[in-house]
């Protein structure tokens, strides 16, 4: 089983939007992890979640900086 105890969930959206935010975080020196239950479920022969629920996680130590970037990113989506 994968140990995710040092990870913090910071965002959930479509694959395209999550990938874009992942790139922005990387540009700011923050490593992130995408969790896609829908694709994982399809690969295993069952469906879990929906294709629009893609989750993005960062390490706890990067959580505060990442959340600031996420808030700016979400505000840019509203414009």
PDB file of N, CA and C in Angstrom:
ATOM      1  N   UNK A   1       0.841  -1.182   0.000  1.00  0.00           N
ATOM      2  CA  UNK A   1       0.000   0.000   0.000  1.00  0.00           C
ATOM      3  C   UNK A   1       0.885   1.243   0.000  1.00  0.00           C
ATOM      4  N   UNK A   2       0.514   2.239  -0.752  1.00  0.00           N
ATOM      5  CA  UNK A   2       1.254   3.482  -0.862  1.00  0.00           C
ATOM      6  C   UNK A   2       1.049   4.349   0.382  1.00  0.00           C
ATOM      7  N   UNK A   3       2.159   4.817   0.978  1.00  0.00           N
ATOM      8  CA  UNK A   3       2.078   5.668   2.159  1.00  0.00           C
ATOM      9  C   UNK A   3       1.903   7.117   1.714  1.00  0.00           C
ATOM     10  N   UNK A   4       0.743   7.677   2.010  1.00  0.00           N
ATOM     11  CA  UNK A   4       0.461   9.061   1.628  1.00  0.00           C
ATOM     12  C   UNK A   4       0.344   9.963   2.851  1.00  0.00           C
ATOM     13  N   UNK A   5       0.904   9.545   3.986  1.00  0.00           N
ATOM     14  CA  UNK A   5       0.751  10.309   5.217  1.00  0.00           C
ATOM     15  C   UNK A   5       1.455  11.657   5.177  1.00  0.00           C
ATOM     16  N   UNK A   6       2.439  11.817   4.302  1.00  0.00           N
ATOM     17  CA  UNK A   6       3.131  13.098   4.207  1.00  0.00           C
ATOM     18  C   UNK A   6       2.583  13.972   3.082  1.00  0.00           C
ATOM     19  N   UNK A   7       1.442  13.588   2.516  1.00  0.00           N
ATOM     20  CA  UNK A   7       0.836  14.342   1.421  1.00  0.00           C
ATOM     21  C   UNK A   7      -0.392  15.111   1.878  1.00  0.00           C
ATOM     22  N   UNK A   8      -0.637  16.240   1.213  1.00  0.00           N
ATOM     23  CA  UNK A   8      -1.790  17.088   1.492  1.00  0.00           C
ATOM     24  C   UNK A   8      -2.556  17.274   0.195  1.00  0.00           C
ATOM     25  N   UNK A   9      -3.865  17.058   0.231  1.00  0.00           N
ATOM     26  CA  UNK A   9      -4.721  17.279  -0.933  1.00  0.00           C
ATOM     27  C   UNK A   9      -4.907  18.784  -1.118  1.00  0.00           C
ATOM     28  N   UNK A  10      -4.615  19.283  -2.334  1.00  0.00           N
ATOM     29  CA  UNK A  10      -4.723  20.731  -2.532  1.00  0.00           C
ATOM     30  C   UNK A  10      -5.690  21.150  -3.628  1.00  0.00           C
ATOM     31  N   UNK A  11      -6.099  20.222  -4.505  1.00  0.00           N
ATOM     32  CA  UNK A  11      -6.928  20.643  -5.631  1.00  0.00           C
ATOM     33  C   UNK A  11      -7.588  19.430  -6.265  1.00  0.00           C
ATOM     34  N   UNK A  12      -8.754  19.658  -6.862  1.00  0.00           N
ATOM     35  CA  UNK A  12      -9.483  18.618  -7.580  1.00  0.00           C
ATOM     36  C   UNK A  12     -10.198  19.276  -8.760  1.00  0.00           C
ATOM     37  N   UNK A  13     -10.013  18.716  -9.959  1.00  0.00           N
ATOM     38  CA  UNK A  13     -10.647  19.268 -11.149  1.00  0.00           C
ATOM     39  C   UNK A  13     -10.453  18.287 -12.292  1.00  0.00           C
ATOM     40  N   UNK A  14     -10.580  18.765 -13.519  1.00  0.00           N
ATOM     41  CA  UNK A  14     -10.394  17.916 -14.690  1.00  0.00           C
ATOM     42  C   UNK A  14      -8.910  17.634 -14.911  1.00  0.00           C
ATOM     43  N   UNK A  15      -8.612  16.624 -15.695  1.00  0.00           N
ATOM     44  CA  UNK A  15      -7.232  16.237 -15.991  1.00  0.00           C
ATOM     45  C   UNK A  15      -6.439  17.407 -16.576  1.00  0.00           C
ATOM     46  N   UNK A  16      -7.017  18.114 -17.515  1.00  0.00           N
ATOM     47  CA  UNK A  16      -6.328  19.227 -18.170  1.00  0.00           C
ATOM     48  C   UNK A  16      -5.981  20.334 -17.173  1.00  0.00           C
ATOM     49  N   UNK A  17      -6.943  20.711 -16.349  1.00  0.00           N
ATOM     50  CA  UNK A  17      -6.733  21.778 -15.372  1.00  0.00           C
ATOM     51  C   UNK A  17      -5.721  21.367 -14.313  1.00  0.00           C
ATOM     52  N   UNK A  18      -5.819  20.137 -13.828  1.00  0.00           N
ATOM     53  CA  UNK A  18      -4.889  19.647 -12.815  1.00  0.00           C
ATOM     54  C   UNK A  18      -3.472  19.574 -13.381  1.00  0.00           C
ATOM     55  N   UNK A  19      -3.327  19.115 -14.607  1.00  0.00           N
ATOM     56  CA  UNK A  19      -1.994  19.062 -15.222  1.00  0.00           C
ATOM     57  C   UNK A  19      -1.396  20.456 -15.367  1.00  0.00           C
ATOM     58  N   UNK A  20      -2.225  21.427 -15.719  1.00  0.00           N
ATOM     59  CA  UNK A  20      -1.750  22.805 -15.855  1.00  0.00           C
ATOM     60  C   UNK A  20      -1.247  23.323 -14.501  1.00  0.00           C
ATOM     61  N   UNK A  21      -2.007  23.095 -13.446  1.00  0.00           N
ATOM     62  CA  UNK A  21      -1.596  23.522 -12.117  1.00  0.00           C
ATOM     63  C   UNK A  21      -0.342  22.776 -11.668  1.00  0.00           C
ATOM     64  N   UNK A  22      -0.250  21.496 -11.981  1.00  0.00           N
ATOM     65  CA  UNK A  22       0.941  20.707 -11.647  1.00  0.00           C
ATOM     66  C   UNK A  22       2.181  21.341 -12.274  1.00  0.00           C
ATOM     67  N   UNK A  23       2.071  21.805 -13.511  1.00  0.00           N
ATOM     68  CA  UNK A  23       3.194  22.463 -14.190  1.00  0.00           C
ATOM     69  C   UNK A  23       3.554  23.787 -13.510  1.00  0.00           C
ATOM     70  N   UNK A  24       2.552  24.546 -13.095  1.00  0.00           N
ATOM     71  CA  UNK A  24       2.798  25.815 -12.396  1.00  0.00           C
ATOM     72  C   UNK A  24       3.517  25.551 -11.075  1.00  0.00           C
ATOM     73  N   UNK A  25       3.078  24.535 -10.345  1.00  0.00           N
ATOM     74  CA  UNK A  25       3.739  24.184  -9.097  1.00  0.00           C
ATOM     75  C   UNK A  25       5.189  23.785  -9.350  1.00  0.00           C
ATOM     76  N   UNK A  26       5.428  22.998 -10.388  1.00  0.00           N
ATOM     77  CA  UNK A  26       6.790  22.563 -10.719  1.00  0.00           C
ATOM     78  C   UNK A  26       7.680  23.765 -11.049  1.00  0.00           C
ATOM     79  N   UNK A  27       7.128  24.740 -11.758  1.00  0.00           N
ATOM     80  CA  UNK A  27       7.877  25.957 -12.079  1.00  0.00           C
ATOM     81  C   UNK A  27       8.275  26.710 -10.812  1.00  0.00           C
ATOM     82  N   UNK A  28       7.535  26.489  -9.735  1.00  0.00           N
ATOM     83  CA  UNK A  28       7.811  27.136  -8.454  1.00  0.00           C
ATOM     84  C   UNK A  28       8.553  26.207  -7.486  1.00  0.00           C
ATOM     85  N   UNK A  29       9.080  25.118  -8.006  1.00  0.00           N
ATOM     86  CA  UNK A  29       9.892  24.212  -7.204  1.00  0.00           C
ATOM     87  C   UNK A  29       9.120  23.277  -6.297  1.00  0.00           C
ATOM     88  N   UNK A  30       7.832  23.087  -6.583  1.00  0.00           N
ATOM     89  CA  UNK A  30       6.997  22.219  -5.749  1.00  0.00           C
ATOM     90  C   UNK A  30       6.626  20.965  -6.536  1.00  0.00           C
ATOM     91  N   UNK A  31       7.008  19.824  -5.988  1.00  0.00           N
ATOM     92  CA  UNK A  31       6.675  18.537  -6.593  1.00  0.00           C
ATOM     93  C   UNK A  31       5.265  18.150  -6.164  1.00  0.00           C
ATOM     94  N   UNK A  32       4.483  17.655  -7.111  1.00  0.00           N
ATOM     95  CA  UNK A  32       3.114  17.265  -6.797  1.00  0.00           C
ATOM     96  C   UNK A  32       2.818  15.884  -7.361  1.00  0.00           C
ATOM     97  N   UNK A  33       1.726  15.314  -6.892  1.00  0.00           N
ATOM     98  CA  UNK A  33       1.306  13.974  -7.299  1.00  0.00           C
ATOM     99  C   UNK A  33      -0.148  14.024  -7.734  1.00  0.00           C
ATOM    100  N   UNK A  34      -0.425  13.483  -8.913  1.00  0.00           N
ATOM    101  CA  UNK A  34      -1.800  13.386  -9.413  1.00  0.00           C
ATOM    102  C   UNK A  34      -2.339  12.008  -9.063  1.00  0.00           C
ATOM    103  N   UNK A  35      -3.547  11.986  -8.522  1.00  0.00           N
ATOM    104  CA  UNK A  35      -4.233  10.721  -8.239  1.00  0.00           C
ATOM    105  C   UNK A  35      -5.509  10.697  -9.064  1.00  0.00           C
ATOM    106  N   UNK A  36      -5.603   9.722  -9.939  1.00  0.00           N
ATOM    107  CA  UNK A  36      -6.729   9.606 -10.842  1.00  0.00           C
ATOM    108  C   UNK A  36      -7.413   8.260 -10.616  1.00  0.00           C
ATOM    109  N   UNK A  37      -8.395   8.229  -9.721  1.00  0.00           N
ATOM    110  CA  UNK A  37      -9.095   6.984  -9.413  1.00  0.00           C
ATOM    111  C   UNK A  37      -9.853   6.434 -10.613  1.00  0.00           C
ATOM    112  N   UNK A  38     -10.322   7.310 -11.490  1.00  0.00           N
ATOM    113  CA  UNK A  38     -11.085   6.884 -12.653  1.00  0.00           C
ATOM    114  C   UNK A  38     -10.218   6.021 -13.571  1.00  0.00           C
ATOM    115  N   UNK A  39      -9.030   6.513 -13.923  1.00  0.00           N
ATOM    116  CA  UNK A  39      -8.148   5.741 -14.797  1.00  0.00           C
ATOM    117  C   UNK A  39      -7.645   4.480 -14.109  1.00  0.00           C
ATOM    118  N   UNK A  40      -7.346   4.590 -12.818  1.00  0.00           N
ATOM    119  CA  UNK A  40      -6.899   3.415 -12.072  1.00  0.00           C
ATOM    120  C   UNK A  40      -7.983   2.345 -12.057  1.00  0.00           C
ATOM    121  N   UNK A  41      -9.217   2.771 -11.857  1.00  0.00           N
ATOM    122  CA  UNK A  41     -10.334   1.833 -11.846  1.00  0.00           C
ATOM    123  C   UNK A  41     -10.553   1.180 -13.189  1.00  0.00           C
ATOM    124  N   UNK A  42     -10.463   1.967 -14.253  1.00  0.00           N
ATOM    125  CA  UNK A  42     -10.613   1.394 -15.590  1.00  0.00           C
ATOM    126  C   UNK A  42      -9.539   0.358 -15.873  1.00  0.00           C
ATOM    127  N   UNK A  43      -8.315   0.649 -15.477  1.00  0.00           N
ATOM    128  CA  UNK A  43      -7.219  -0.288 -15.713  1.00  0.00           C
ATOM    129  C   UNK A  43      -7.420  -1.592 -14.947  1.00  0.00           C
ATOM    130  N   UNK A  44      -8.067  -1.494 -13.785  1.00  0.00           N
ATOM    131  CA  UNK A  44      -8.298  -2.684 -12.965  1.00  0.00           C
ATOM    132  C   UNK A  44      -9.591  -3.410 -13.324  1.00  0.00           C
ATOM    133  N   UNK A  45     -10.392  -2.814 -14.201  1.00  0.00           N
ATOM    134  CA  UNK A  45     -11.616  -3.465 -14.631  1.00  0.00           C
ATOM    135  C   UNK A  45     -12.870  -2.981 -13.942  1.00  0.00           C
ATOM    136  N   UNK A  46     -12.780  -1.922 -13.185  1.00  0.00           N
ATOM    137  CA  UNK A  46     -13.962  -1.322 -12.570  1.00  0.00           C
ATOM    138  C   UNK A  46     -13.761   0.192 -12.537  1.00  0.00           C
ATOM    139  N   UNK A  47     -14.836   0.912 -12.348  1.00  0.00           N
ATOM    140  CA  UNK A  47     -14.748   2.371 -12.361  1.00  0.00           C
ATOM    141  C   UNK A  47     -14.884   2.902 -10.938  1.00  0.00           C
ATOM    142  N   UNK A  48     -13.948   3.770 -10.560  1.00  0.00           N
ATOM    143  CA  UNK A  48     -13.987   4.432  -9.251  1.00  0.00           C
ATOM    144  C   UNK A  48     -13.900   5.928  -9.486  1.00  0.00           C
ATOM    145  N   UNK A  49     -14.857   6.670  -9.023  1.00  0.00           N
ATOM    146  CA  UNK A  49     -14.848   8.114  -9.250  1.00  0.00           C
ATOM    147  C   UNK A  49     -15.357   8.457 -10.634  1.00  0.00           C
ATOM    148  N   UNK A  50     -15.115   9.690 -11.035  1.00  0.00           N
ATOM    149  CA  UNK A  50     -15.498  10.117 -12.382  1.00  0.00           C
ATOM    150  C   UNK A  50     -14.286  10.715 -13.078  1.00  0.00           C
ATOM    151  N   UNK A  51     -14.373  10.861 -14.385  1.00  0.00           N
ATOM    152  CA  UNK A  51     -13.236  11.389 -15.136  1.00  0.00           C
ATOM    153  C   UNK A  51     -12.964  12.853 -14.816  1.00  0.00           C
ATOM    154  N   UNK A  52     -13.879  13.530 -14.147  1.00  0.00           N
ATOM    155  CA  UNK A  52     -13.698  14.943 -13.806  1.00  0.00           C
ATOM    156  C   UNK A  52     -13.125  15.130 -12.399  1.00  0.00           C
ATOM    157  N   UNK A  53     -12.909  14.051 -11.678  1.00  0.00           N
ATOM    158  CA  UNK A  53     -12.404  14.159 -10.308  1.00  0.00           C
ATOM    159  C   UNK A  53     -10.952  13.699 -10.229  1.00  0.00           C
ATOM    160  N   UNK A  54     -10.058  14.564 -10.668  1.00  0.00           N
ATOM    161  CA  UNK A  54      -8.639  14.269 -10.620  1.00  0.00           C
ATOM    162  C   UNK A  54      -8.066  15.060  -9.445  1.00  0.00           C
ATOM    163  N   UNK A  55      -7.373  14.372  -8.540  1.00  0.00           N
ATOM    164  CA  UNK A  55      -6.869  14.994  -7.320  1.00  0.00           C
ATOM    165  C   UNK A  55      -5.387  15.315  -7.439  1.00  0.00           C
ATOM    166  N   UNK A  56      -4.984  16.427  -6.819  1.00  0.00           N
ATOM    167  CA  UNK A  56      -3.594  16.853  -6.807  1.00  0.00           C
ATOM    168  C   UNK A  56      -3.121  16.966  -5.359  1.00  0.00           C
ATOM    169  N   UNK A  57      -1.974  16.378  -5.080  1.00  0.00           N
ATOM    170  CA  UNK A  57      -1.395  16.362  -3.740  1.00  0.00           C
ATOM    171  C   UNK A  57       0.013  16.941  -3.778  1.00  0.00           C
ATOM    172  N   UNK A  58       0.433  17.523  -2.650  1.00  0.00           N
ATOM    173  CA  UNK A  58       1.812  17.957  -2.455  1.00  0.00           C
ATOM    174  C   UNK A  58       2.274  17.458  -1.091  1.00  0.00           C
ATOM    175  N   UNK A  59       3.574  17.504  -0.862  1.00  0.00           N
ATOM    176  CA  UNK A  59       4.090  17.129   0.445  1.00  0.00           C
ATOM    177  C   UNK A  59       3.702  18.191   1.464  1.00  0.00           C
ATOM    178  N   UNK A  60       3.509  17.763   2.706  1.00  0.00           N
ATOM    179  CA  UNK A  60       3.091  18.675   3.775  1.00  0.00           C
ATOM    180  C   UNK A  60       4.010  19.878   3.894  1.00  0.00           C
ATOM    181  N   UNK A  61       5.304  19.676   3.726  1.00  0.00           N
ATOM    182  CA  UNK A  61       6.260  20.784   3.874  1.00  0.00           C
ATOM    183  C   UNK A  61       6.046  21.871   2.822  1.00  0.00           C
ATOM    184  N   UNK A  62       5.452  21.508   1.681  1.00  0.00           N
ATOM    185  CA  UNK A  62       5.176  22.466   0.607  1.00  0.00           C
ATOM    186  C   UNK A  62       3.744  22.977   0.646  1.00  0.00           C
ATOM    187  N   UNK A  63       2.954  22.494   1.598  1.00  0.00           N
ATOM    188  CA  UNK A  63       1.525  22.785   1.632  1.00  0.00           C
ATOM    189  C   UNK A  63       1.166  24.253   1.637  1.00  0.00           C
ATOM    190  N   UNK A  64       1.798  25.055   2.490  1.00  0.00           N
ATOM    191  CA  UNK A  64       1.454  26.473   2.593  1.00  0.00           C
ATOM    192  C   UNK A  64       1.771  27.216   1.299  1.00  0.00           C
ATOM    193  N   UNK A  65       2.966  26.986   0.756  1.00  0.00           N
ATOM    194  CA  UNK A  65       3.333  27.646  -0.501  1.00  0.00           C
ATOM    195  C   UNK A  65       2.433  27.198  -1.647  1.00  0.00           C
ATOM    196  N   UNK A  66       2.132  25.910  -1.677  1.00  0.00           N
ATOM    197  CA  UNK A  66       1.282  25.370  -2.733  1.00  0.00           C
ATOM    198  C   UNK A  66      -0.127  25.956  -2.657  1.00  0.00           C
ATOM    199  N   UNK A  67      -0.651  26.098  -1.450  1.00  0.00           N
ATOM    200  CA  UNK A  67      -2.009  26.629  -1.305  1.00  0.00           C
ATOM    201  C   UNK A  67      -2.099  28.069  -1.799  1.00  0.00           C
ATOM    202  N   UNK A  68      -1.046  28.852  -1.576  1.00  0.00           N
ATOM    203  CA  UNK A  68      -1.028  30.219  -2.099  1.00  0.00           C
ATOM    204  C   UNK A  68      -1.085  30.214  -3.621  1.00  0.00           C
ATOM    205  N   UNK A  69      -0.310  29.331  -4.231  1.00  0.00           N
ATOM    206  CA  UNK A  69      -0.289  29.224  -5.695  1.00  0.00           C
ATOM    207  C   UNK A  69      -1.641  28.744  -6.207  1.00  0.00           C
ATOM    208  N   UNK A  70      -2.239  27.786  -5.508  1.00  0.00           N
ATOM    209  CA  UNK A  70      -3.552  27.254  -5.903  1.00  0.00           C
ATOM    210  C   UNK A  70      -4.609  28.356  -5.847  1.00  0.00           C
ATOM    211  N   UNK A  71      -4.582  29.167  -4.794  1.00  0.00           N
ATOM    212  CA  UNK A  71      -5.567  30.256  -4.677  1.00  0.00           C
ATOM    213  C   UNK A  71      -5.440  31.247  -5.832  1.00  0.00           C
ATOM    214  N   UNK A  72      -4.220  31.596  -6.194  1.00  0.00           N
ATOM    215  CA  UNK A  72      -4.001  32.498  -7.333  1.00  0.00           C
ATOM    216  C   UNK A  72      -4.481  31.839  -8.626  1.00  0.00           C
ATOM    217  N   UNK A  73      -4.196  30.537  -8.758  1.00  0.00           N
ATOM    218  CA  UNK A  73      -4.619  29.797  -9.948  1.00  0.00           C
ATOM    219  C   UNK A  73      -6.149  29.766 -10.047  1.00  0.00           C
ATOM    220  N   UNK A  74      -6.822  29.477  -8.914  1.00  0.00           N
ATOM    221  CA  UNK A  74      -8.283  29.436  -8.915  1.00  0.00           C
ATOM    222  C   UNK A  74      -8.868  30.806  -9.253  1.00  0.00           C
ATOM    223  N   UNK A  75      -8.251  31.859  -8.756  1.00  0.00           N
ATOM    224  CA  UNK A  75      -8.717  33.213  -9.072  1.00  0.00           C
ATOM    225  C   UNK A  75      -8.566  33.495 -10.565  1.00  0.00           C
ATOM    226  N   UNK A  76      -7.496  32.985 -11.179  1.00  0.00           N
ATOM    227  CA  UNK A  76      -7.299  33.206 -12.607  1.00  0.00           C
ATOM    228  C   UNK A  76      -8.350  32.458 -13.436  1.00  0.00           C
ATOM    229  N   UNK A  77      -8.872  31.360 -12.900  1.00  0.00           N
ATOM    230  CA  UNK A  77      -9.912  30.604 -13.600  1.00  0.00           C
ATOM    231  C   UNK A  77     -11.233  31.367 -13.591  1.00  0.00           C
ATOM    232  N   UNK A  78     -11.444  32.217 -12.580  1.00  0.00           N
ATOM    233  CA  UNK A  78     -12.676  32.986 -12.445  1.00  0.00           C
ATOM    234  C   UNK A  78     -12.728  34.186 -13.384  1.00  0.00           C
ATOM    235  N   UNK A  79     -11.553  34.621 -13.858  1.00  0.00           N
ATOM    236  CA  UNK A  79     -11.492  35.826 -14.708  1.00  0.00           C
ATOM    237  C   UNK A  79     -12.075  35.608 -16.067  1.00  0.00           C
TER     238      UNK A  79
END
